[in-house]
Amino acid sequence: MLLVATLMLGLSVNALAATLDFTDTVRVVMGSRESQDEVRVYATQEAKRRVLDKVGVYLSGSTEIVRKVEEATYLPRRHEGDTNKNFESSWFDSSSVLQTIQTLTVGVVQTEVVSEEWKSEGGSFVLYLVCRVTVDREDALARLTELLKDKQKVEDYQKVQEEVERLRGDLAQLRLDLESAKTEKEKVAVKEEVQEKINGLTAIDWFEKGLAAEEMDDKIACYSIALQIDVNYVSAYANRGIVYVIKKEFDHAFTDFNNALRLEPNHPQSIAGFGLIHYANKNYWRAIQDFSLALQLDPDNAQAYYYIRAYAYEFNGDTLEAIQDFERAADLGNEDAKHELEELR
């Protein structure tokens, strides 16, 4: 029975390493007006999506992983005085654990293209591309557990997957439009749109690598490449800015947050980023104002904003307000906030 299930899932067992290899092969026929590079990008995205879906199904079979996701989707109670009507909404759809796991799978495993082969079939060039993911369930559980603690990163992965699906759908339609283009002008216009979508997908790939990277310099390098490809990538500016704050390179961080807000004036992560700069420079009142605005714009990340604003209140000498924010953060599941409350009391 295990062998049958294994074959159906398209995976192989590495007995020595106690890991599973998931693979998926896509077959894409190159259109008469397409380039090999364009087809390769489309095939890679399709193979990546399909193999990650398989991994998501596999991981959802772990009761411990399902429990972790269910715990993370538990809705906190509203605090007295909180007026935001959306406060009790989950930060992702708690009705589908499988969907949640599949969304976050890209953040806990790495995909790789292991082979590509071009063949001539029926007068057309056809690409066969194989994508593989190697999964250690215990390692995946540890990574997923850590990821679920960071709601901003979870939100990033959600937005990324939504954008990938949109771009992938657009690209599929553009492939049809390219074949049906009647004039050279139409062909050139569609080709430009195809390149735009490909650039978007490539920038997202580098952004995802930045999210997954562990070293700060590696994160900066990945976000920088994403921005070279797409100079209007708001999240890449904001995330690189946060890394610069961690490295205490505040001038670079300031520039990145400014660029993000130039493109999206009410971008909460960048506003909070300015709060971090003010906090690091002991301008606590300005930091409190920034964190308060970010909280207003992005209540789904209330835990993080309450927690850091509490420190700003504490160092500003507003102990009562600090305790209230630590309480709010603790009730939203922040374990560190609970320890801080014990110290303040």
C-alpha atoms as a PDB file:
ATOM      1  CA  MET A   1       0.000   0.000   0.000  1.00  0.00           C
ATOM      2  CA  LEU A   2       2.852   2.389   0.826  1.00  0.00           C
ATOM      3  CA  LEU A   3       4.473   1.630  -2.529  1.00  0.00           C
ATOM      4  CA  VAL A   4       1.236   2.403  -4.381  1.00  0.00           C
ATOM      5  CA  ALA A   5       0.802   5.686  -2.506  1.00  0.00           C
ATOM      6  CA  THR A   6       4.426   6.573  -3.171  1.00  0.00           C
ATOM      7  CA  LEU A   7       4.063   6.020  -6.895  1.00  0.00           C
ATOM      8  CA  MET A   8       0.837   7.998  -7.017  1.00  0.00           C
ATOM      9  CA  LEU A   9       2.470  10.975  -5.324  1.00  0.00           C
ATOM     10  CA  GLY A  10       5.465  10.868  -7.642  1.00  0.00           C
ATOM     11  CA  LEU A  11       8.092  10.548  -4.932  1.00  0.00           C
ATOM     12  CA  SER A  12      11.000   8.342  -4.003  1.00  0.00           C
ATOM     13  CA  VAL A  13      12.327   7.388  -0.595  1.00  0.00           C
ATOM     14  CA  ASN A  14      15.947   8.026   0.325  1.00  0.00           C
ATOM     15  CA  ALA A  15      16.369   5.409   3.030  1.00  0.00           C
ATOM     16  CA  LEU A  16      19.823   6.543   4.133  1.00  0.00           C
ATOM     17  CA  ALA A  17      18.792  10.140   4.734  1.00  0.00           C
ATOM     18  CA  ALA A  18      15.219   9.453   5.828  1.00  0.00           C
ATOM     19  CA  THR A  19      13.999  11.967   3.255  1.00  0.00           C
ATOM     20  CA  LEU A  20      11.543  11.920   0.389  1.00  0.00           C
ATOM     21  CA  ASP A  21      12.170  13.174  -3.129  1.00  0.00           C
ATOM     22  CA  PHE A  22       9.190  14.642  -4.970  1.00  0.00           C
ATOM     23  CA  THR A  23       9.441  15.189  -8.718  1.00  0.00           C
ATOM     24  CA  ASP A  24       7.194  16.484 -11.450  1.00  0.00           C
ATOM     25  CA  THR A  25       7.715  16.549 -15.196  1.00  0.00           C
ATOM     26  CA  VAL A  26       6.005  19.093 -17.423  1.00  0.00           C
ATOM     27  CA  ARG A  27       5.716  18.941 -21.193  1.00  0.00           C
ATOM     28  CA  VAL A  28       5.401  22.281 -22.972  1.00  0.00           C
ATOM     29  CA  VAL A  29       5.117  22.704 -26.738  1.00  0.00           C
ATOM     30  CA  MET A  30       6.954  25.796 -27.959  1.00  0.00           C
ATOM     31  CA  GLY A  31       4.812  28.108 -30.053  1.00  0.00           C
ATOM     32  CA  SER A  32       6.038  29.201 -33.475  1.00  0.00           C
ATOM     33  CA  ARG A  33       6.664  32.732 -32.172  1.00  0.00           C
ATOM     34  CA  GLU A  34       8.140  31.860 -28.781  1.00  0.00           C
ATOM     35  CA  SER A  35      11.754  31.647 -27.693  1.00  0.00           C
ATOM     36  CA  GLN A  36      13.244  28.770 -25.750  1.00  0.00           C
ATOM     37  CA  ASP A  37      13.883  31.073 -22.789  1.00  0.00           C
ATOM     38  CA  GLU A  38      10.217  32.099 -22.662  1.00  0.00           C
ATOM     39  CA  VAL A  39       9.067  28.483 -22.741  1.00  0.00           C
ATOM     40  CA  ARG A  40      11.635  27.529 -20.101  1.00  0.00           C
ATOM     41  CA  VAL A  41      10.315  30.130 -17.640  1.00  0.00           C
ATOM     42  CA  TYR A  42       6.718  29.016 -18.186  1.00  0.00           C
ATOM     43  CA  ALA A  43       7.622  25.323 -17.810  1.00  0.00           C
ATOM     44  CA  THR A  44       9.673  25.970 -14.664  1.00  0.00           C
ATOM     45  CA  GLN A  45       6.802  27.817 -12.991  1.00  0.00           C
ATOM     46  CA  GLU A  46       4.351  25.038 -13.866  1.00  0.00           C
ATOM     47  CA  ALA A  47       6.673  22.292 -12.626  1.00  0.00           C
ATOM     48  CA  LYS A  48       7.410  24.211  -9.438  1.00  0.00           C
ATOM     49  CA  ARG A  49       3.709  24.720  -8.696  1.00  0.00           C
ATOM     50  CA  ARG A  50       2.860  21.070  -9.298  1.00  0.00           C
ATOM     51  CA  VAL A  51       5.695  19.613  -7.238  1.00  0.00           C
ATOM     52  CA  LEU A  52       5.017  22.007  -4.345  1.00  0.00           C
ATOM     53  CA  ASP A  53       1.356  20.972  -4.407  1.00  0.00           C
ATOM     54  CA  LYS A  54       2.491  17.365  -3.966  1.00  0.00           C
ATOM     55  CA  VAL A  55       4.712  18.355  -1.043  1.00  0.00           C
ATOM     56  CA  GLY A  56       1.816  20.260   0.513  1.00  0.00           C
ATOM     57  CA  VAL A  57      -0.419  17.189   0.337  1.00  0.00           C
ATOM     58  CA  TYR A  58       2.335  15.110   1.916  1.00  0.00           C
ATOM     59  CA  LEU A  59       2.989  17.548   4.765  1.00  0.00           C
ATOM     60  CA  SER A  60      -0.722  17.883   5.497  1.00  0.00           C
ATOM     61  CA  GLY A  61      -0.669  14.181   6.342  1.00  0.00           C
ATOM     62  CA  SER A  62       1.386  14.999   9.443  1.00  0.00           C
ATOM     63  CA  THR A  63      -0.908  15.484  12.435  1.00  0.00           C
ATOM     64  CA  GLU A  64       1.767  17.580  14.144  1.00  0.00           C
ATOM     65  CA  ILE A  65       2.066  19.952  11.172  1.00  0.00           C
ATOM     66  CA  VAL A  66      -1.724  20.240  10.928  1.00  0.00           C
ATOM     67  CA  ARG A  67      -1.884  20.986  14.658  1.00  0.00           C
ATOM     68  CA  LYS A  68       0.724  23.740  14.336  1.00  0.00           C
ATOM     69  CA  VAL A  69      -1.247  25.374  11.534  1.00  0.00           C
ATOM     70  CA  GLU A  70      -4.521  25.069  13.419  1.00  0.00           C
ATOM     71  CA  GLU A  71      -2.946  26.643  16.505  1.00  0.00           C
ATOM     72  CA  ALA A  72      -1.618  29.522  14.418  1.00  0.00           C
ATOM     73  CA  THR A  73      -5.060  30.197  12.925  1.00  0.00           C
ATOM     74  CA  TYR A  74      -6.755  30.391  16.318  1.00  0.00           C
ATOM     75  CA  LEU A  75      -8.578  33.723  16.516  1.00  0.00           C
ATOM     76  CA  PRO A  76      -7.658  35.879  19.537  1.00  0.00           C
ATOM     77  CA  ARG A  77     -10.271  37.704  21.539  1.00  0.00           C
ATOM     78  CA  ARG A  78     -10.874  41.397  20.980  1.00  0.00           C
ATOM     79  CA  HIS A  79      -9.441  43.739  23.613  1.00  0.00           C
ATOM     80  CA  GLU A  80     -11.696  46.209  25.328  1.00  0.00           C
ATOM     81  CA  GLY A  81     -11.343  49.470  23.464  1.00  0.00           C
ATOM     82  CA  ASP A  82     -10.288  47.937  20.149  1.00  0.00           C
ATOM     83  CA  THR A  83     -12.636  49.298  17.513  1.00  0.00           C
ATOM     84  CA  ASN A  84     -11.239  47.788  14.320  1.00  0.00           C
ATOM     85  CA  LYS A  85     -14.014  45.647  12.838  1.00  0.00           C
ATOM     86  CA  ASN A  86     -11.517  43.413  11.069  1.00  0.00           C
ATOM     87  CA  PHE A  87      -9.464  42.684  14.184  1.00  0.00           C
ATOM     88  CA  GLU A  88     -10.912  39.223  14.674  1.00  0.00           C
ATOM     89  CA  SER A  89     -10.378  38.136  11.080  1.00  0.00           C
ATOM     90  CA  SER A  90      -7.745  35.447  10.675  1.00  0.00           C
ATOM     91  CA  TRP A  91      -4.488  36.416   8.970  1.00  0.00           C
ATOM     92  CA  PHE A  92      -5.111  33.591   6.534  1.00  0.00           C
ATOM     93  CA  ASP A  93      -8.020  31.330   5.644  1.00  0.00           C
ATOM     94  CA  SER A  94      -8.413  28.954   8.569  1.00  0.00           C
ATOM     95  CA  SER A  95     -11.059  26.934   6.696  1.00  0.00           C
ATOM     96  CA  SER A  96      -8.438  25.132   4.646  1.00  0.00           C
ATOM     97  CA  VAL A  97      -5.398  23.735   6.428  1.00  0.00           C
ATOM     98  CA  LEU A  98      -4.197  22.119   3.202  1.00  0.00           C
ATOM     99  CA  GLN A  99      -4.371  25.412   1.334  1.00  0.00           C
ATOM    100  CA  THR A 100      -2.442  27.117   4.120  1.00  0.00           C
ATOM    101  CA  ILE A 101       0.268  24.458   4.145  1.00  0.00           C
ATOM    102  CA  GLN A 102       0.576  24.596   0.360  1.00  0.00           C
ATOM    103  CA  THR A 103       0.914  28.381   0.506  1.00  0.00           C
ATOM    104  CA  LEU A 104       3.747  28.153   3.027  1.00  0.00           C
ATOM    105  CA  THR A 105       5.497  25.122   1.523  1.00  0.00           C
ATOM    106  CA  VAL A 106       7.614  27.371  -0.696  1.00  0.00           C
ATOM    107  CA  GLY A 107       9.061  28.846   2.497  1.00  0.00           C
ATOM    108  CA  VAL A 108      10.129  25.541   4.059  1.00  0.00           C
ATOM    109  CA  VAL A 109      11.561  23.551   1.132  1.00  0.00           C
ATOM    110  CA  GLN A 110      13.716  24.291  -1.900  1.00  0.00           C
ATOM    111  CA  THR A 111      12.877  23.385  -5.472  1.00  0.00           C
ATOM    112  CA  GLU A 112      15.420  22.611  -8.145  1.00  0.00           C
ATOM    113  CA  VAL A 113      15.274  21.914 -11.859  1.00  0.00           C
ATOM    114  CA  VAL A 114      17.101  18.614 -12.292  1.00  0.00           C
ATOM    115  CA  SER A 115      16.778  18.168 -16.044  1.00  0.00           C
ATOM    116  CA  GLU A 116      15.417  19.687 -19.202  1.00  0.00           C
ATOM    117  CA  GLU A 117      15.266  18.055 -22.617  1.00  0.00           C
ATOM    118  CA  TRP A 118      14.170  19.477 -25.947  1.00  0.00           C
ATOM    119  CA  LYS A 119      12.617  17.145 -28.493  1.00  0.00           C
ATOM    120  CA  SER A 120      11.163  17.537 -31.964  1.00  0.00           C
ATOM    121  CA  GLU A 121       7.631  16.165 -32.080  1.00  0.00           C
ATOM    122  CA  GLY A 122       5.212  16.599 -34.976  1.00  0.00           C
ATOM    123  CA  GLY A 123       7.106  19.529 -36.404  1.00  0.00           C
ATOM    124  CA  SER A 124       7.279  21.420 -33.087  1.00  0.00           C
ATOM    125  CA  PHE A 125       9.927  21.779 -30.411  1.00  0.00           C
ATOM    126  CA  VAL A 126       8.812  20.326 -27.063  1.00  0.00           C
ATOM    127  CA  LEU A 127      10.416  20.917 -23.679  1.00  0.00           C
ATOM    128  CA  TYR A 128      10.384  18.219 -21.005  1.00  0.00           C
ATOM    129  CA  LEU A 129      11.405  19.779 -17.693  1.00  0.00           C
ATOM    130  CA  VAL A 130      11.780  17.966 -14.376  1.00  0.00           C
ATOM    131  CA  CYS A 131      11.561  19.742 -11.032  1.00  0.00           C
ATOM    132  CA  ARG A 132      12.480  18.106  -7.697  1.00  0.00           C
ATOM    133  CA  VAL A 133      11.990  18.831  -4.006  1.00  0.00           C
ATOM    134  CA  THR A 134      13.717  16.836  -1.271  1.00  0.00           C
ATOM    135  CA  VAL A 135      11.770  16.820   1.988  1.00  0.00           C
ATOM    136  CA  ASP A 136      12.819  15.905   5.505  1.00  0.00           C
ATOM    137  CA  ARG A 137       9.549  15.943   7.454  1.00  0.00           C
ATOM    138  CA  GLU A 138      11.161  16.839  10.784  1.00  0.00           C
ATOM    139  CA  ASP A 139      13.121  19.675   9.212  1.00  0.00           C
ATOM    140  CA  ALA A 140       9.992  20.872   7.392  1.00  0.00           C
ATOM    141  CA  LEU A 141       8.062  20.841  10.682  1.00  0.00           C
ATOM    142  CA  ALA A 142      10.769  22.888  12.398  1.00  0.00           C
ATOM    143  CA  ARG A 143      10.884  25.419   9.567  1.00  0.00           C
ATOM    144  CA  LEU A 144       7.099  25.670   9.349  1.00  0.00           C
ATOM    145  CA  THR A 145       6.835  26.142  13.118  1.00  0.00           C
ATOM    146  CA  GLU A 146       9.357  28.978  12.964  1.00  0.00           C
ATOM    147  CA  LEU A 147       7.667  30.519   9.933  1.00  0.00           C
ATOM    148  CA  LEU A 148       4.241  30.541  11.593  1.00  0.00           C
ATOM    149  CA  LYS A 149       5.653  32.772  14.352  1.00  0.00           C
ATOM    150  CA  ASP A 150       6.363  35.514  11.811  1.00  0.00           C
ATOM    151  CA  LYS A 151       3.040  36.821  10.535  1.00  0.00           C
ATOM    152  CA  GLN A 152       4.735  39.407   8.328  1.00  0.00           C
ATOM    153  CA  LYS A 153       6.659  36.697   6.528  1.00  0.00           C
ATOM    154  CA  VAL A 154       3.523  34.565   6.230  1.00  0.00           C
ATOM    155  CA  GLU A 155       1.771  37.568   4.718  1.00  0.00           C
ATOM    156  CA  ASP A 156       4.690  38.006   2.318  1.00  0.00           C
ATOM    157  CA  TYR A 157       4.382  34.411   1.153  1.00  0.00           C
ATOM    158  CA  GLN A 158       0.629  34.805   0.725  1.00  0.00           C
ATOM    159  CA  LYS A 159       1.039  37.897  -1.414  1.00  0.00           C
ATOM    160  CA  VAL A 160       3.802  36.229  -3.398  1.00  0.00           C
ATOM    161  CA  GLN A 161       1.673  33.193  -4.194  1.00  0.00           C
ATOM    162  CA  GLU A 162      -1.287  35.336  -5.198  1.00  0.00           C
ATOM    163  CA  GLU A 163       0.929  37.371  -7.519  1.00  0.00           C
ATOM    164  CA  VAL A 164       2.557  34.239  -8.969  1.00  0.00           C
ATOM    165  CA  GLU A 165      -0.851  32.769  -9.764  1.00  0.00           C
ATOM    166  CA  ARG A 166      -1.904  36.015 -11.448  1.00  0.00           C
ATOM    167  CA  LEU A 167       1.282  36.258 -13.517  1.00  0.00           C
ATOM    168  CA  ARG A 168       1.138  32.575 -14.427  1.00  0.00           C
ATOM    169  CA  GLY A 169      -2.435  32.951 -15.657  1.00  0.00           C
ATOM    170  CA  ASP A 170      -1.544  36.091 -17.605  1.00  0.00           C
ATOM    171  CA  LEU A 171       1.409  34.338 -19.206  1.00  0.00           C
ATOM    172  CA  ALA A 172      -0.719  31.369 -20.262  1.00  0.00           C
ATOM    173  CA  GLN A 173      -3.185  33.724 -21.977  1.00  0.00           C
ATOM    174  CA  LEU A 174      -0.397  35.724 -23.614  1.00  0.00           C
ATOM    175  CA  ARG A 175       1.031  32.532 -25.140  1.00  0.00           C
ATOM    176  CA  LEU A 176      -2.316  32.086 -26.921  1.00  0.00           C
ATOM    177  CA  ASP A 177      -2.464  35.772 -27.863  1.00  0.00           C
ATOM    178  CA  LEU A 178       1.010  35.569 -29.378  1.00  0.00           C
ATOM    179  CA  GLU A 179       0.021  32.717 -31.678  1.00  0.00           C
ATOM    180  CA  SER A 180      -3.116  34.552 -32.837  1.00  0.00           C
ATOM    181  CA  ALA A 181      -1.460  37.969 -33.364  1.00  0.00           C
ATOM    182  CA  LYS A 182      -2.254  39.065 -36.912  1.00  0.00           C
ATOM    183  CA  THR A 183       0.211  41.914 -37.425  1.00  0.00           C
ATOM    184  CA  GLU A 184       3.830  42.547 -36.557  1.00  0.00           C
ATOM    185  CA  LYS A 185       2.743  45.415 -34.313  1.00  0.00           C
ATOM    186  CA  GLU A 186       0.427  43.107 -32.342  1.00  0.00           C
ATOM    187  CA  LYS A 187       3.174  40.507 -32.091  1.00  0.00           C
ATOM    188  CA  VAL A 188       5.677  43.046 -30.717  1.00  0.00           C
ATOM    189  CA  ALA A 189       3.130  44.336 -28.191  1.00  0.00           C
ATOM    190  CA  VAL A 190       2.355  40.834 -26.917  1.00  0.00           C
ATOM    191  CA  LYS A 191       6.069  39.999 -26.773  1.00  0.00           C
ATOM    192  CA  GLU A 192       6.636  43.033 -24.550  1.00  0.00           C
ATOM    193  CA  GLU A 193       3.856  41.904 -22.218  1.00  0.00           C
ATOM    194  CA  VAL A 194       5.292  38.392 -22.113  1.00  0.00           C
ATOM    195  CA  GLN A 195       8.693  39.788 -21.094  1.00  0.00           C
ATOM    196  CA  GLU A 196       7.036  41.926 -18.420  1.00  0.00           C
ATOM    197  CA  LYS A 197       5.339  38.871 -16.894  1.00  0.00           C
ATOM    198  CA  ILE A 198       8.548  36.835 -17.095  1.00  0.00           C
ATOM    199  CA  ASN A 199      10.450  39.634 -15.347  1.00  0.00           C
ATOM    200  CA  GLY A 200       7.779  39.679 -12.645  1.00  0.00           C
ATOM    201  CA  LEU A 201       8.072  35.934 -12.045  1.00  0.00           C
ATOM    202  CA  THR A 202      11.877  36.093 -12.034  1.00  0.00           C
ATOM    203  CA  ALA A 203      11.866  38.971  -9.534  1.00  0.00           C
ATOM    204  CA  ILE A 204       9.513  36.973  -7.294  1.00  0.00           C
ATOM    205  CA  ASP A 205      11.855  33.978  -7.422  1.00  0.00           C
ATOM    206  CA  TRP A 206      14.675  36.167  -6.077  1.00  0.00           C
ATOM    207  CA  PHE A 207      12.378  37.714  -3.495  1.00  0.00           C
ATOM    208  CA  GLU A 208      11.461  34.229  -2.241  1.00  0.00           C
ATOM    209  CA  LYS A 209      15.152  33.366  -2.020  1.00  0.00           C
ATOM    210  CA  GLY A 210      15.616  36.484   0.087  1.00  0.00           C
ATOM    211  CA  LEU A 211      12.818  35.432   2.419  1.00  0.00           C
ATOM    212  CA  ALA A 212      14.348  31.968   2.830  1.00  0.00           C
ATOM    213  CA  ALA A 213      17.990  33.086   3.187  1.00  0.00           C
ATOM    214  CA  GLU A 214      19.450  32.904   6.682  1.00  0.00           C
ATOM    215  CA  GLU A 215      22.411  35.279   6.347  1.00  0.00           C
ATOM    216  CA  MET A 216      21.663  39.005   6.254  1.00  0.00           C
ATOM    217  CA  ASP A 217      24.059  39.684   3.384  1.00  0.00           C
ATOM    218  CA  ASP A 218      22.467  36.881   1.363  1.00  0.00           C
ATOM    219  CA  LYS A 219      19.045  38.433   1.951  1.00  0.00           C
ATOM    220  CA  ILE A 220      20.277  41.816   0.756  1.00  0.00           C
ATOM    221  CA  ALA A 221      21.842  40.255  -2.345  1.00  0.00           C
ATOM    222  CA  CYS A 222      18.612  38.454  -3.279  1.00  0.00           C
ATOM    223  CA  TYR A 223      16.373  41.474  -2.702  1.00  0.00           C
ATOM    224  CA  SER A 224      18.807  43.622  -4.697  1.00  0.00           C
ATOM    225  CA  ILE A 225      18.632  41.272  -7.689  1.00  0.00           C
ATOM    226  CA  ALA A 226      14.834  41.308  -7.466  1.00  0.00           C
ATOM    227  CA  LEU A 227      14.956  45.114  -7.569  1.00  0.00           C
ATOM    228  CA  GLN A 228      17.319  45.116 -10.541  1.00  0.00           C
ATOM    229  CA  ILE A 229      14.692  43.116 -12.412  1.00  0.00           C
ATOM    230  CA  ASP A 230      11.689  45.072 -11.104  1.00  0.00           C
ATOM    231  CA  VAL A 231      12.532  48.586  -9.858  1.00  0.00           C
ATOM    232  CA  ASN A 232       8.950  49.007  -8.570  1.00  0.00           C
ATOM    233  CA  TYR A 233       8.954  45.973  -6.258  1.00  0.00           C
ATOM    234  CA  VAL A 234       7.616  47.535  -3.040  1.00  0.00           C
ATOM    235  CA  SER A 235       8.017  44.476  -0.821  1.00  0.00           C
ATOM    236  CA  ALA A 236      11.634  44.006  -1.911  1.00  0.00           C
ATOM    237  CA  TYR A 237      12.449  47.595  -0.891  1.00  0.00           C
ATOM    238  CA  ALA A 238      10.680  47.156   2.456  1.00  0.00           C
ATOM    239  CA  ASN A 239      12.254  43.799   3.264  1.00  0.00           C
ATOM    240  CA  ARG A 240      15.735  44.953   2.286  1.00  0.00           C
ATOM    241  CA  GLY A 241      15.180  48.034   4.427  1.00  0.00           C
ATOM    242  CA  ILE A 242      14.377  45.861   7.446  1.00  0.00           C
ATOM    243  CA  VAL A 243      17.591  43.908   6.909  1.00  0.00           C
ATOM    244  CA  TYR A 244      19.545  47.165   6.735  1.00  0.00           C
ATOM    245  CA  VAL A 245      17.979  48.196  10.067  1.00  0.00           C
ATOM    246  CA  ILE A 246      19.140  44.920  11.609  1.00  0.00           C
ATOM    247  CA  LYS A 247      22.636  45.633  10.259  1.00  0.00           C
ATOM    248  CA  LYS A 248      22.370  49.216  11.633  1.00  0.00           C
ATOM    249  CA  GLU A 249      22.868  50.642   8.145  1.00  0.00           C
ATOM    250  CA  PHE A 250      20.188  53.240   8.721  1.00  0.00           C
ATOM    251  CA  ASP A 251      20.933  55.450   5.710  1.00  0.00           C
ATOM    252  CA  HIS A 252      20.370  52.531   3.355  1.00  0.00           C
ATOM    253  CA  ALA A 253      17.253  51.522   5.274  1.00  0.00           C
ATOM    254  CA  PHE A 254      15.891  55.073   5.109  1.00  0.00           C
ATOM    255  CA  THR A 255      16.349  55.128   1.328  1.00  0.00           C
ATOM    256  CA  ASP A 256      14.606  51.778   0.879  1.00  0.00           C
ATOM    257  CA  PHE A 257      11.603  52.724   3.023  1.00  0.00           C
ATOM    258  CA  ASN A 258      11.339  56.022   1.157  1.00  0.00           C
ATOM    259  CA  ASN A 259      11.325  54.204  -2.178  1.00  0.00           C
ATOM    260  CA  ALA A 260       8.645  51.798  -0.971  1.00  0.00           C
ATOM    261  CA  LEU A 261       6.426  54.627   0.288  1.00  0.00           C
ATOM    262  CA  ARG A 262       6.958  56.589  -2.933  1.00  0.00           C
ATOM    263  CA  LEU A 263       5.396  53.636  -4.759  1.00  0.00           C
ATOM    264  CA  GLU A 264       2.807  52.793  -2.078  1.00  0.00           C
ATOM    265  CA  PRO A 265       2.256  55.730   0.328  1.00  0.00           C
ATOM    266  CA  ASN A 266       0.441  53.703   3.000  1.00  0.00           C
ATOM    267  CA  HIS A 267       2.703  50.657   2.997  1.00  0.00           C
ATOM    268  CA  PRO A 268       2.533  49.566   6.686  1.00  0.00           C
ATOM    269  CA  GLN A 269       5.770  47.578   6.779  1.00  0.00           C
ATOM    270  CA  SER A 270       7.755  50.575   5.522  1.00  0.00           C
ATOM    271  CA  ILE A 271       6.053  52.929   7.975  1.00  0.00           C
ATOM    272  CA  ALA A 272       6.948  50.502  10.758  1.00  0.00           C
ATOM    273  CA  GLY A 273      10.455  50.411   9.304  1.00  0.00           C
ATOM    274  CA  PHE A 274      10.803  54.138   9.899  1.00  0.00           C
ATOM    275  CA  GLY A 275       9.584  53.417  13.427  1.00  0.00           C
ATOM    276  CA  LEU A 276      12.458  50.967  13.874  1.00  0.00           C
ATOM    277  CA  ILE A 277      14.935  53.602  12.704  1.00  0.00           C
ATOM    278  CA  HIS A 278      13.499  56.142  15.160  1.00  0.00           C
ATOM    279  CA  TYR A 279      13.545  53.530  17.925  1.00  0.00           C
ATOM    280  CA  ALA A 280      17.180  52.641  17.232  1.00  0.00           C
ATOM    281  CA  ASN A 281      18.061  56.339  17.408  1.00  0.00           C
ATOM    282  CA  LYS A 282      16.166  56.698  20.728  1.00  0.00           C
ATOM    283  CA  ASN A 283      13.475  58.933  19.224  1.00  0.00           C
ATOM    284  CA  TYR A 284      10.827  56.895  20.980  1.00  0.00           C
ATOM    285  CA  TRP A 285       7.872  59.239  20.519  1.00  0.00           C
ATOM    286  CA  ARG A 286       8.334  59.292  16.735  1.00  0.00           C
ATOM    287  CA  ALA A 287       8.665  55.498  16.836  1.00  0.00           C
ATOM    288  CA  ILE A 288       5.381  55.216  18.766  1.00  0.00           C
ATOM    289  CA  GLN A 289       3.639  57.345  16.140  1.00  0.00           C
ATOM    290  CA  ASP A 290       4.971  55.205  13.296  1.00  0.00           C
ATOM    291  CA  PHE A 291       4.050  51.901  14.980  1.00  0.00           C
ATOM    292  CA  SER A 292       0.575  53.241  15.786  1.00  0.00           C
ATOM    293  CA  LEU A 293      -0.026  54.181  12.144  1.00  0.00           C
ATOM    294  CA  ALA A 294       1.279  50.806  10.949  1.00  0.00           C
ATOM    295  CA  LEU A 295      -1.079  49.093  13.409  1.00  0.00           C
ATOM    296  CA  GLN A 296      -4.003  51.112  12.092  1.00  0.00           C
ATOM    297  CA  LEU A 297      -3.165  50.221   8.487  1.00  0.00           C
ATOM    298  CA  ASP A 298      -2.310  46.567   9.123  1.00  0.00           C
ATOM    299  CA  PRO A 299      -4.272  45.141  12.091  1.00  0.00           C
ATOM    300  CA  ASP A 300      -3.487  41.569  11.007  1.00  0.00           C
ATOM    301  CA  ASN A 301       0.091  42.138  12.210  1.00  0.00           C
ATOM    302  CA  ALA A 302      -1.076  43.578  15.518  1.00  0.00           C
ATOM    303  CA  GLN A 303       1.061  41.189  17.569  1.00  0.00           C
ATOM    304  CA  ALA A 304       4.312  42.525  16.138  1.00  0.00           C
ATOM    305  CA  TYR A 305       3.298  46.188  16.256  1.00  0.00           C
ATOM    306  CA  TYR A 306       1.975  45.997  19.822  1.00  0.00           C
ATOM    307  CA  TYR A 307       5.162  44.227  20.913  1.00  0.00           C
ATOM    308  CA  ILE A 308       7.661  46.701  19.474  1.00  0.00           C
ATOM    309  CA  ARG A 309       5.503  49.715  20.379  1.00  0.00           C
ATOM    310  CA  ALA A 310       5.504  48.464  23.981  1.00  0.00           C
ATOM    311  CA  TYR A 311       9.287  48.810  24.099  1.00  0.00           C
ATOM    312  CA  ALA A 312       9.059  52.311  22.672  1.00  0.00           C
ATOM    313  CA  TYR A 313       6.534  53.223  25.383  1.00  0.00           C
ATOM    314  CA  GLU A 314       8.727  51.643  28.069  1.00  0.00           C
ATOM    315  CA  PHE A 315      11.871  53.537  27.067  1.00  0.00           C
ATOM    316  CA  ASN A 316       9.836  56.702  26.677  1.00  0.00           C
ATOM    317  CA  GLY A 317       8.836  56.365  30.339  1.00  0.00           C
ATOM    318  CA  ASP A 318       5.201  55.402  29.656  1.00  0.00           C
ATOM    319  CA  THR A 319       5.111  52.234  31.750  1.00  0.00           C
ATOM    320  CA  LEU A 320       1.322  51.853  31.846  1.00  0.00           C
ATOM    321  CA  GLU A 321       1.021  52.065  28.069  1.00  0.00           C
ATOM    322  CA  ALA A 322       3.916  49.613  27.742  1.00  0.00           C
ATOM    323  CA  ILE A 323       2.178  47.087  29.985  1.00  0.00           C
ATOM    324  CA  GLN A 324      -1.054  47.427  28.003  1.00  0.00           C
ATOM    325  CA  ASP A 325       0.752  46.784  24.702  1.00  0.00           C
ATOM    326  CA  PHE A 326       2.688  43.833  26.106  1.00  0.00           C
ATOM    327  CA  GLU A 327      -0.644  42.404  27.350  1.00  0.00           C
ATOM    328  CA  ARG A 328      -2.180  42.798  23.917  1.00  0.00           C
ATOM    329  CA  ALA A 329       0.824  41.160  22.259  1.00  0.00           C
ATOM    330  CA  ALA A 330       0.824  38.322  24.814  1.00  0.00           C
ATOM    331  CA  ASP A 331      -2.874  37.634  24.271  1.00  0.00           C
ATOM    332  CA  LEU A 332      -2.153  37.423  20.553  1.00  0.00           C
ATOM    333  CA  GLY A 333       0.367  34.653  21.215  1.00  0.00           C
ATOM    334  CA  ASN A 334       3.666  36.503  21.643  1.00  0.00           C
ATOM    335  CA  GLU A 335       5.621  34.456  24.209  1.00  0.00           C
ATOM    336  CA  ASP A 336       8.356  37.082  24.585  1.00  0.00           C
ATOM    337  CA  ALA A 337       5.727  39.645  25.577  1.00  0.00           C
ATOM    338  CA  LYS A 338       4.636  37.359  28.427  1.00  0.00           C
ATOM    339  CA  HIS A 339       8.181  37.311  29.797  1.00  0.00           C
ATOM    340  CA  GLU A 340       8.415  41.099  29.560  1.00  0.00           C
ATOM    341  CA  LEU A 341       5.169  41.434  31.530  1.00  0.00           C
ATOM    342  CA  GLU A 342       6.609  39.333  34.319  1.00  0.00           C
ATOM    343  CA  GLU A 343       9.598  41.667  34.493  1.00  0.00           C
ATOM    344  CA  LEU A 344       7.501  44.857  34.496  1.00  0.00           C
ATOM    345  CA  ARG A 345       5.146  43.571  37.166  1.00  0.00           C
END
